[in-house]
Amino acid sequence: DTPQTLIDYESLGDAARLSVPGADHF
């Protein structure tokens, strides 16, 4: 229950960029 991690998902760098190339499904 630490939602800020999900709100700041882009901070994961390449893992976020490749996993969420568009935010619609996230």
PDB file of all heavy atoms in Angstrom:
ATOM      1  N   ASP A   1       0.829  -1.214   0.000  1.00  0.00           N
ATOM      2  CA  ASP A   1       0.000   0.000   0.000  1.00  0.00           C
ATOM      3  C   ASP A   1       0.861   1.261   0.000  1.00  0.00           C
ATOM      4  O   ASP A   1       0.698   2.153   0.826  1.00  0.00           O
ATOM      5  CB  ASP A   1      -0.951   0.000   1.200  1.00  0.00           C
ATOM      6  CG  ASP A   1      -2.074   1.030   1.043  1.00  0.00           C
ATOM      7  OD1 ASP A   1      -2.198   1.607  -0.049  1.00  0.00           O
ATOM      8  OD2 ASP A   1      -2.811   1.261   2.023  1.00  0.00           O
ATOM      9  N   THR A   2       1.770   1.317  -0.974  1.00  0.00           N
ATOM     10  CA  THR A   2       2.594   2.512  -1.176  1.00  0.00           C
ATOM     11  C   THR A   2       2.320   3.047  -2.585  1.00  0.00           C
ATOM     12  O   THR A   2       3.131   2.863  -3.506  1.00  0.00           O
ATOM     13  CB  THR A   2       4.092   2.198  -0.981  1.00  0.00           C
ATOM     14  OG1 THR A   2       4.445   1.045  -1.771  1.00  0.00           O
ATOM     15  CG2 THR A   2       4.401   1.914   0.471  1.00  0.00           C
ATOM     16  N   PRO A   3       1.176   3.705  -2.781  1.00  0.00           N
ATOM     17  CA  PRO A   3       0.759   4.100  -4.125  1.00  0.00           C
ATOM     18  C   PRO A   3       1.674   5.109  -4.798  1.00  0.00           C
ATOM     19  O   PRO A   3       1.663   5.223  -6.031  1.00  0.00           O
ATOM     20  CB  PRO A   3      -0.642   4.681  -3.899  1.00  0.00           C
ATOM     21  CG  PRO A   3      -0.667   5.100  -2.471  1.00  0.00           C
ATOM     22  CD  PRO A   3       0.180   4.094  -1.755  1.00  0.00           C
ATOM     23  N   GLN A   4       2.458   5.842  -4.011  1.00  0.00           N
ATOM     24  CA  GLN A   4       3.324   6.841  -4.631  1.00  0.00           C
ATOM     25  C   GLN A   4       4.302   6.189  -5.605  1.00  0.00           C
ATOM     26  O   GLN A   4       4.686   6.795  -6.612  1.00  0.00           O
ATOM     27  CB  GLN A   4       4.085   7.626  -3.557  1.00  0.00           C
ATOM     28  CG  GLN A   4       4.716   8.910  -4.082  1.00  0.00           C
ATOM     29  CD  GLN A   4       3.689   9.911  -4.603  1.00  0.00           C
ATOM     30  OE1 GLN A   4       2.667  10.152  -3.950  1.00  0.00           O
ATOM     31  NE2 GLN A   4       3.946  10.495  -5.762  1.00  0.00           N
ATOM     32  N   THR A   5       4.703   4.958  -5.321  1.00  0.00           N
ATOM     33  CA  THR A   5       5.590   4.234  -6.239  1.00  0.00           C
ATOM     34  C   THR A   5       4.941   4.063  -7.595  1.00  0.00           C
ATOM     35  O   THR A   5       5.598   4.178  -8.643  1.00  0.00           O
ATOM     36  CB  THR A   5       5.961   2.867  -5.653  1.00  0.00           C
ATOM     37  OG1 THR A   5       6.631   3.054  -4.405  1.00  0.00           O
ATOM     38  CG2 THR A   5       6.878   2.086  -6.593  1.00  0.00           C
ATOM     39  N   LEU A   6       3.644   3.778  -7.600  1.00  0.00           N
ATOM     40  CA  LEU A   6       2.930   3.612  -8.865  1.00  0.00           C
ATOM     41  C   LEU A   6       2.666   4.948  -9.543  1.00  0.00           C
ATOM     42  O   LEU A   6       2.758   5.065 -10.766  1.00  0.00           O
ATOM     43  CB  LEU A   6       1.625   2.855  -8.641  1.00  0.00           C
ATOM     44  CG  LEU A   6       1.837   1.393  -8.232  1.00  0.00           C
ATOM     45  CD1 LEU A   6       1.537   1.189  -6.771  1.00  0.00           C
ATOM     46  CD2 LEU A   6       1.023   0.455  -9.101  1.00  0.00           C
ATOM     47  N   ILE A   7       2.361   5.968  -8.746  1.00  0.00           N
ATOM     48  CA  ILE A   7       2.165   7.307  -9.304  1.00  0.00           C
ATOM     49  C   ILE A   7       3.450   7.786  -9.977  1.00  0.00           C
ATOM     50  O   ILE A   7       3.417   8.406 -11.047  1.00  0.00           O
ATOM     51  CB  ILE A   7       1.724   8.275  -8.192  1.00  0.00           C
ATOM     52  CG1 ILE A   7       0.304   7.919  -7.717  1.00  0.00           C
ATOM     53  CG2 ILE A   7       1.786   9.724  -8.666  1.00  0.00           C
ATOM     54  CD1 ILE A   7      -0.129   8.635  -6.457  1.00  0.00           C
ATOM     55  N   ASP A   8       4.596   7.457  -9.368  1.00  0.00           N
ATOM     56  CA  ASP A   8       5.904   7.862  -9.903  1.00  0.00           C
ATOM     57  C   ASP A   8       6.527   6.754 -10.751  1.00  0.00           C
ATOM     58  O   ASP A   8       7.755   6.636 -10.807  1.00  0.00           O
ATOM     59  CB  ASP A   8       6.844   8.215  -8.750  1.00  0.00           C
ATOM     60  CG  ASP A   8       6.374   9.414  -7.950  1.00  0.00           C
ATOM     61  OD1 ASP A   8       5.649  10.262  -8.507  1.00  0.00           O
ATOM     62  OD2 ASP A   8       6.725   9.502  -6.751  1.00  0.00           O
ATOM     63  N   TYR A   9       5.712   5.947 -11.416  1.00  0.00           N
ATOM     64  CA  TYR A   9       6.213   4.766 -12.128  1.00  0.00           C
ATOM     65  C   TYR A   9       7.315   5.087 -13.135  1.00  0.00           C
ATOM     66  O   TYR A   9       8.216   4.272 -13.387  1.00  0.00           O
ATOM     67  CB  TYR A   9       5.064   4.029 -12.810  1.00  0.00           C
ATOM     68  CG  TYR A   9       4.505   4.714 -14.040  1.00  0.00           C
ATOM     69  CD1 TYR A   9       4.996   4.433 -15.311  1.00  0.00           C
ATOM     70  CD2 TYR A   9       3.496   5.668 -13.935  1.00  0.00           C
ATOM     71  CE1 TYR A   9       4.492   5.059 -16.440  1.00  0.00           C
ATOM     72  CE2 TYR A   9       2.978   6.298 -15.045  1.00  0.00           C
ATOM     73  CZ  TYR A   9       3.483   5.993 -16.300  1.00  0.00           C
ATOM     74  OH  TYR A   9       2.985   6.628 -17.414  1.00  0.00           O
ATOM     75  N   GLU A  10       7.283   6.281 -13.702  1.00  0.00           N
ATOM     76  CA  GLU A  10       8.282   6.628 -14.721  1.00  0.00           C
ATOM     77  C   GLU A  10       9.695   6.705 -14.140  1.00  0.00           C
ATOM     78  O   GLU A  10      10.673   6.650 -14.885  1.00  0.00           O
ATOM     79  CB  GLU A  10       7.914   7.946 -15.391  1.00  0.00           C
ATOM     80  CG  GLU A  10       6.668   7.840 -16.267  1.00  0.00           C
ATOM     81  CD  GLU A  10       6.255   9.180 -16.860  1.00  0.00           C
ATOM     82  OE1 GLU A  10       6.080  10.144 -16.094  1.00  0.00           O
ATOM     83  OE2 GLU A  10       6.121   9.250 -18.095  1.00  0.00           O
ATOM     84  N   SER A  11       9.814   6.802 -12.814  1.00  0.00           N
ATOM     85  CA  SER A  11      11.131   6.874 -12.182  1.00  0.00           C
ATOM     86  C   SER A  11      11.900   5.571 -12.314  1.00  0.00           C
ATOM     87  O   SER A  11      13.099   5.525 -12.036  1.00  0.00           O
ATOM     88  CB  SER A  11      10.994   7.246 -10.698  1.00  0.00           C
ATOM     89  OG  SER A  11      10.351   6.209  -9.978  1.00  0.00           O
ATOM     90  N   LEU A  12      11.235   4.504 -12.759  1.00  0.00           N
ATOM     91  CA  LEU A  12      11.939   3.239 -12.967  1.00  0.00           C
ATOM     92  C   LEU A  12      12.746   3.221 -14.259  1.00  0.00           C
ATOM     93  O   LEU A  12      13.337   2.205 -14.608  1.00  0.00           O
ATOM     94  CB  LEU A  12      10.964   2.058 -12.947  1.00  0.00           C
ATOM     95  CG  LEU A  12      10.870   1.356 -11.594  1.00  0.00           C
ATOM     96  CD1 LEU A  12      10.108   2.223 -10.609  1.00  0.00           C
ATOM     97  CD2 LEU A  12      10.236  -0.006 -11.720  1.00  0.00           C
ATOM     98  N   GLY A  13      12.773   4.312 -14.972  1.00  0.00           N
ATOM     99  CA  GLY A  13      13.640   4.444 -16.140  1.00  0.00           C
ATOM    100  C   GLY A  13      13.271   3.523 -17.277  1.00  0.00           C
ATOM    101  O   GLY A  13      12.114   3.461 -17.706  1.00  0.00           O
ATOM    102  N   ASP A  14      14.254   2.785 -17.781  1.00  0.00           N
ATOM    103  CA  ASP A  14      14.035   1.944 -18.957  1.00  0.00           C
ATOM    104  C   ASP A  14      12.972   0.883 -18.726  1.00  0.00           C
ATOM    105  O   ASP A  14      12.201   0.550 -19.633  1.00  0.00           O
ATOM    106  CB  ASP A  14      15.345   1.277 -19.383  1.00  0.00           C
ATOM    107  CG  ASP A  14      16.296   2.244 -20.076  1.00  0.00           C
ATOM    108  OD1 ASP A  14      15.852   3.344 -20.462  1.00  0.00           O
ATOM    109  OD2 ASP A  14      17.487   1.899 -20.227  1.00  0.00           O
ATOM    110  N   ALA A  15      12.911   0.328 -17.518  1.00  0.00           N
ATOM    111  CA  ALA A  15      11.894  -0.695 -17.229  1.00  0.00           C
ATOM    112  C   ALA A  15      10.500  -0.114 -17.387  1.00  0.00           C
ATOM    113  O   ALA A  15       9.596  -0.770 -17.920  1.00  0.00           O
ATOM    114  CB  ALA A  15      12.090  -1.255 -15.827  1.00  0.00           C
ATOM    115  N   ALA A  16      10.306   1.132 -16.951  1.00  0.00           N
ATOM    116  CA  ALA A  16       9.012   1.799 -17.102  1.00  0.00           C
ATOM    117  C   ALA A  16       8.764   2.184 -18.555  1.00  0.00           C
ATOM    118  O   ALA A  16       7.657   1.996 -19.080  1.00  0.00           O
ATOM    119  CB  ALA A  16       8.954   3.024 -16.213  1.00  0.00           C
ATOM    120  N   ARG A  17       9.785   2.707 -19.216  1.00  0.00           N
ATOM    121  CA  ARG A  17       9.626   3.152 -20.600  1.00  0.00           C
ATOM    122  C   ARG A  17       9.246   1.986 -21.509  1.00  0.00           C
ATOM    123  O   ARG A  17       8.407   2.134 -22.415  1.00  0.00           O
ATOM    124  CB  ARG A  17      10.931   3.788 -21.083  1.00  0.00           C
ATOM    125  CG  ARG A  17      10.899   4.280 -22.521  1.00  0.00           C
ATOM    126  CD  ARG A  17      12.229   4.915 -22.911  1.00  0.00           C
ATOM    127  NE  ARG A  17      13.341   3.992 -22.741  1.00  0.00           N
ATOM    128  CZ  ARG A  17      13.668   3.038 -23.634  1.00  0.00           C
ATOM    129  NH1 ARG A  17      12.943   2.899 -24.752  1.00  0.00           N
ATOM    130  NH2 ARG A  17      14.693   2.239 -23.413  1.00  0.00           N
ATOM    131  N   LEU A  18       9.821   0.812 -21.263  1.00  0.00           N
ATOM    132  CA  LEU A  18       9.524  -0.355 -22.089  1.00  0.00           C
ATOM    133  C   LEU A  18       8.224  -1.032 -21.675  1.00  0.00           C
ATOM    134  O   LEU A  18       7.496  -1.554 -22.517  1.00  0.00           O
ATOM    135  CB  LEU A  18      10.686  -1.353 -21.997  1.00  0.00           C
ATOM    136  CG  LEU A  18      11.991  -0.889 -22.649  1.00  0.00           C
ATOM    137  CD1 LEU A  18      13.147  -1.778 -22.221  1.00  0.00           C
ATOM    138  CD2 LEU A  18      11.847  -0.891 -24.173  1.00  0.00           C
ATOM    139  N   SER A  19       7.918  -1.025 -20.406  1.00  0.00           N
ATOM    140  CA  SER A  19       6.708  -1.688 -19.915  1.00  0.00           C
ATOM    141  C   SER A  19       5.461  -0.858 -20.153  1.00  0.00           C
ATOM    142  O   SER A  19       4.363  -1.403 -20.344  1.00  0.00           O
ATOM    143  CB  SER A  19       6.835  -1.976 -18.414  1.00  0.00           C
ATOM    144  OG  SER A  19       7.903  -2.850 -18.152  1.00  0.00           O
ATOM    145  N   VAL A  20       5.613   0.467 -20.130  1.00  0.00           N
ATOM    146  CA  VAL A  20       4.480   1.387 -20.308  1.00  0.00           C
ATOM    147  C   VAL A  20       4.833   2.378 -21.419  1.00  0.00           C
ATOM    148  O   VAL A  20       5.023   3.575 -21.173  1.00  0.00           O
ATOM    149  CB  VAL A  20       4.150   2.124 -18.994  1.00  0.00           C
ATOM    150  CG1 VAL A  20       2.859   2.927 -19.125  1.00  0.00           C
ATOM    151  CG2 VAL A  20       4.028   1.146 -17.836  1.00  0.00           C
ATOM    152  N   PRO A  21       4.932   1.897 -22.667  1.00  0.00           N
ATOM    153  CA  PRO A  21       5.247   2.826 -23.757  1.00  0.00           C
ATOM    154  C   PRO A  21       4.147   3.855 -23.992  1.00  0.00           C
ATOM    155  O   PRO A  21       4.395   4.924 -24.523  1.00  0.00           O
ATOM    156  CB  PRO A  21       5.429   1.898 -24.969  1.00  0.00           C
ATOM    157  CG  PRO A  21       4.709   0.643 -24.606  1.00  0.00           C
ATOM    158  CD  PRO A  21       4.833   0.503 -23.135  1.00  0.00           C
ATOM    159  N   GLY A  22       2.927   3.511 -23.586  1.00  0.00           N
ATOM    160  CA  GLY A  22       1.799   4.440 -23.559  1.00  0.00           C
ATOM    161  C   GLY A  22       1.063   4.205 -22.259  1.00  0.00           C
ATOM    162  O   GLY A  22       0.921   3.062 -21.822  1.00  0.00           O
ATOM    163  N   ALA A  23       0.570   5.274 -21.629  1.00  0.00           N
ATOM    164  CA  ALA A  23       0.031   5.141 -20.271  1.00  0.00           C
ATOM    165  C   ALA A  23      -1.385   4.585 -20.226  1.00  0.00           C
ATOM    166  O   ALA A  23      -1.887   4.283 -19.144  1.00  0.00           O
ATOM    167  CB  ALA A  23       0.055   6.502 -19.576  1.00  0.00           C
ATOM    168  N   ASP A  24      -2.040   4.424 -21.381  1.00  0.00           N
ATOM    169  CA  ASP A  24      -3.465   4.094 -21.385  1.00  0.00           C
ATOM    170  C   ASP A  24      -3.813   2.831 -20.600  1.00  0.00           C
ATOM    171  O   ASP A  24      -4.811   2.785 -19.890  1.00  0.00           O
ATOM    172  CB  ASP A  24      -3.995   3.987 -22.818  1.00  0.00           C
ATOM    173  CG  ASP A  24      -3.175   3.072 -23.707  1.00  0.00           C
ATOM    174  OD1 ASP A  24      -2.095   2.629 -23.292  1.00  0.00           O
ATOM    175  OD2 ASP A  24      -3.626   2.813 -24.850  1.00  0.00           O
ATOM    176  N   HIS A  25      -2.991   1.776 -20.711  1.00  0.00           N
ATOM    177  CA  HIS A  25      -3.309   0.526 -20.030  1.00  0.00           C
ATOM    178  C   HIS A  25      -2.884   0.517 -18.563  1.00  0.00           C
ATOM    179  O   HIS A  25      -3.350  -0.327 -17.799  1.00  0.00           O
ATOM    180  CB  HIS A  25      -2.686  -0.660 -20.772  1.00  0.00           C
ATOM    181  CG  HIS A  25      -3.496  -1.099 -21.951  1.00  0.00           C
ATOM    182  ND1 HIS A  25      -3.607  -0.344 -23.094  1.00  0.00           N
ATOM    183  CD2 HIS A  25      -4.268  -2.199 -22.151  1.00  0.00           C
ATOM    184  CE1 HIS A  25      -4.390  -0.964 -23.951  1.00  0.00           C
ATOM    185  NE2 HIS A  25      -4.815  -2.082 -23.407  1.00  0.00           N
ATOM    186  N   PHE A  26      -2.020   1.437 -18.181  1.00  0.00           N
ATOM    187  CA  PHE A  26      -1.548   1.502 -16.790  1.00  0.00           C
ATOM    188  C   PHE A  26      -2.443   2.375 -15.920  1.00  0.00           C
ATOM    189  O   PHE A  26      -2.686   2.071 -14.744  1.00  0.00           O
ATOM    190  CB  PHE A  26      -0.107   2.036 -16.767  1.00  0.00           C
ATOM    191  CG  PHE A  26       0.525   2.015 -15.404  1.00  0.00           C
ATOM    192  CD1 PHE A  26       1.048   0.850 -14.878  1.00  0.00           C
ATOM    193  CD2 PHE A  26       0.604   3.170 -14.634  1.00  0.00           C
ATOM    194  CE1 PHE A  26       1.636   0.826 -13.609  1.00  0.00           C
ATOM    195  CE2 PHE A  26       1.182   3.165 -13.376  1.00  0.00           C
ATOM    196  CZ  PHE A  26       1.701   1.981 -12.866  1.00  0.00           C
TER     197      PHE A  26
END
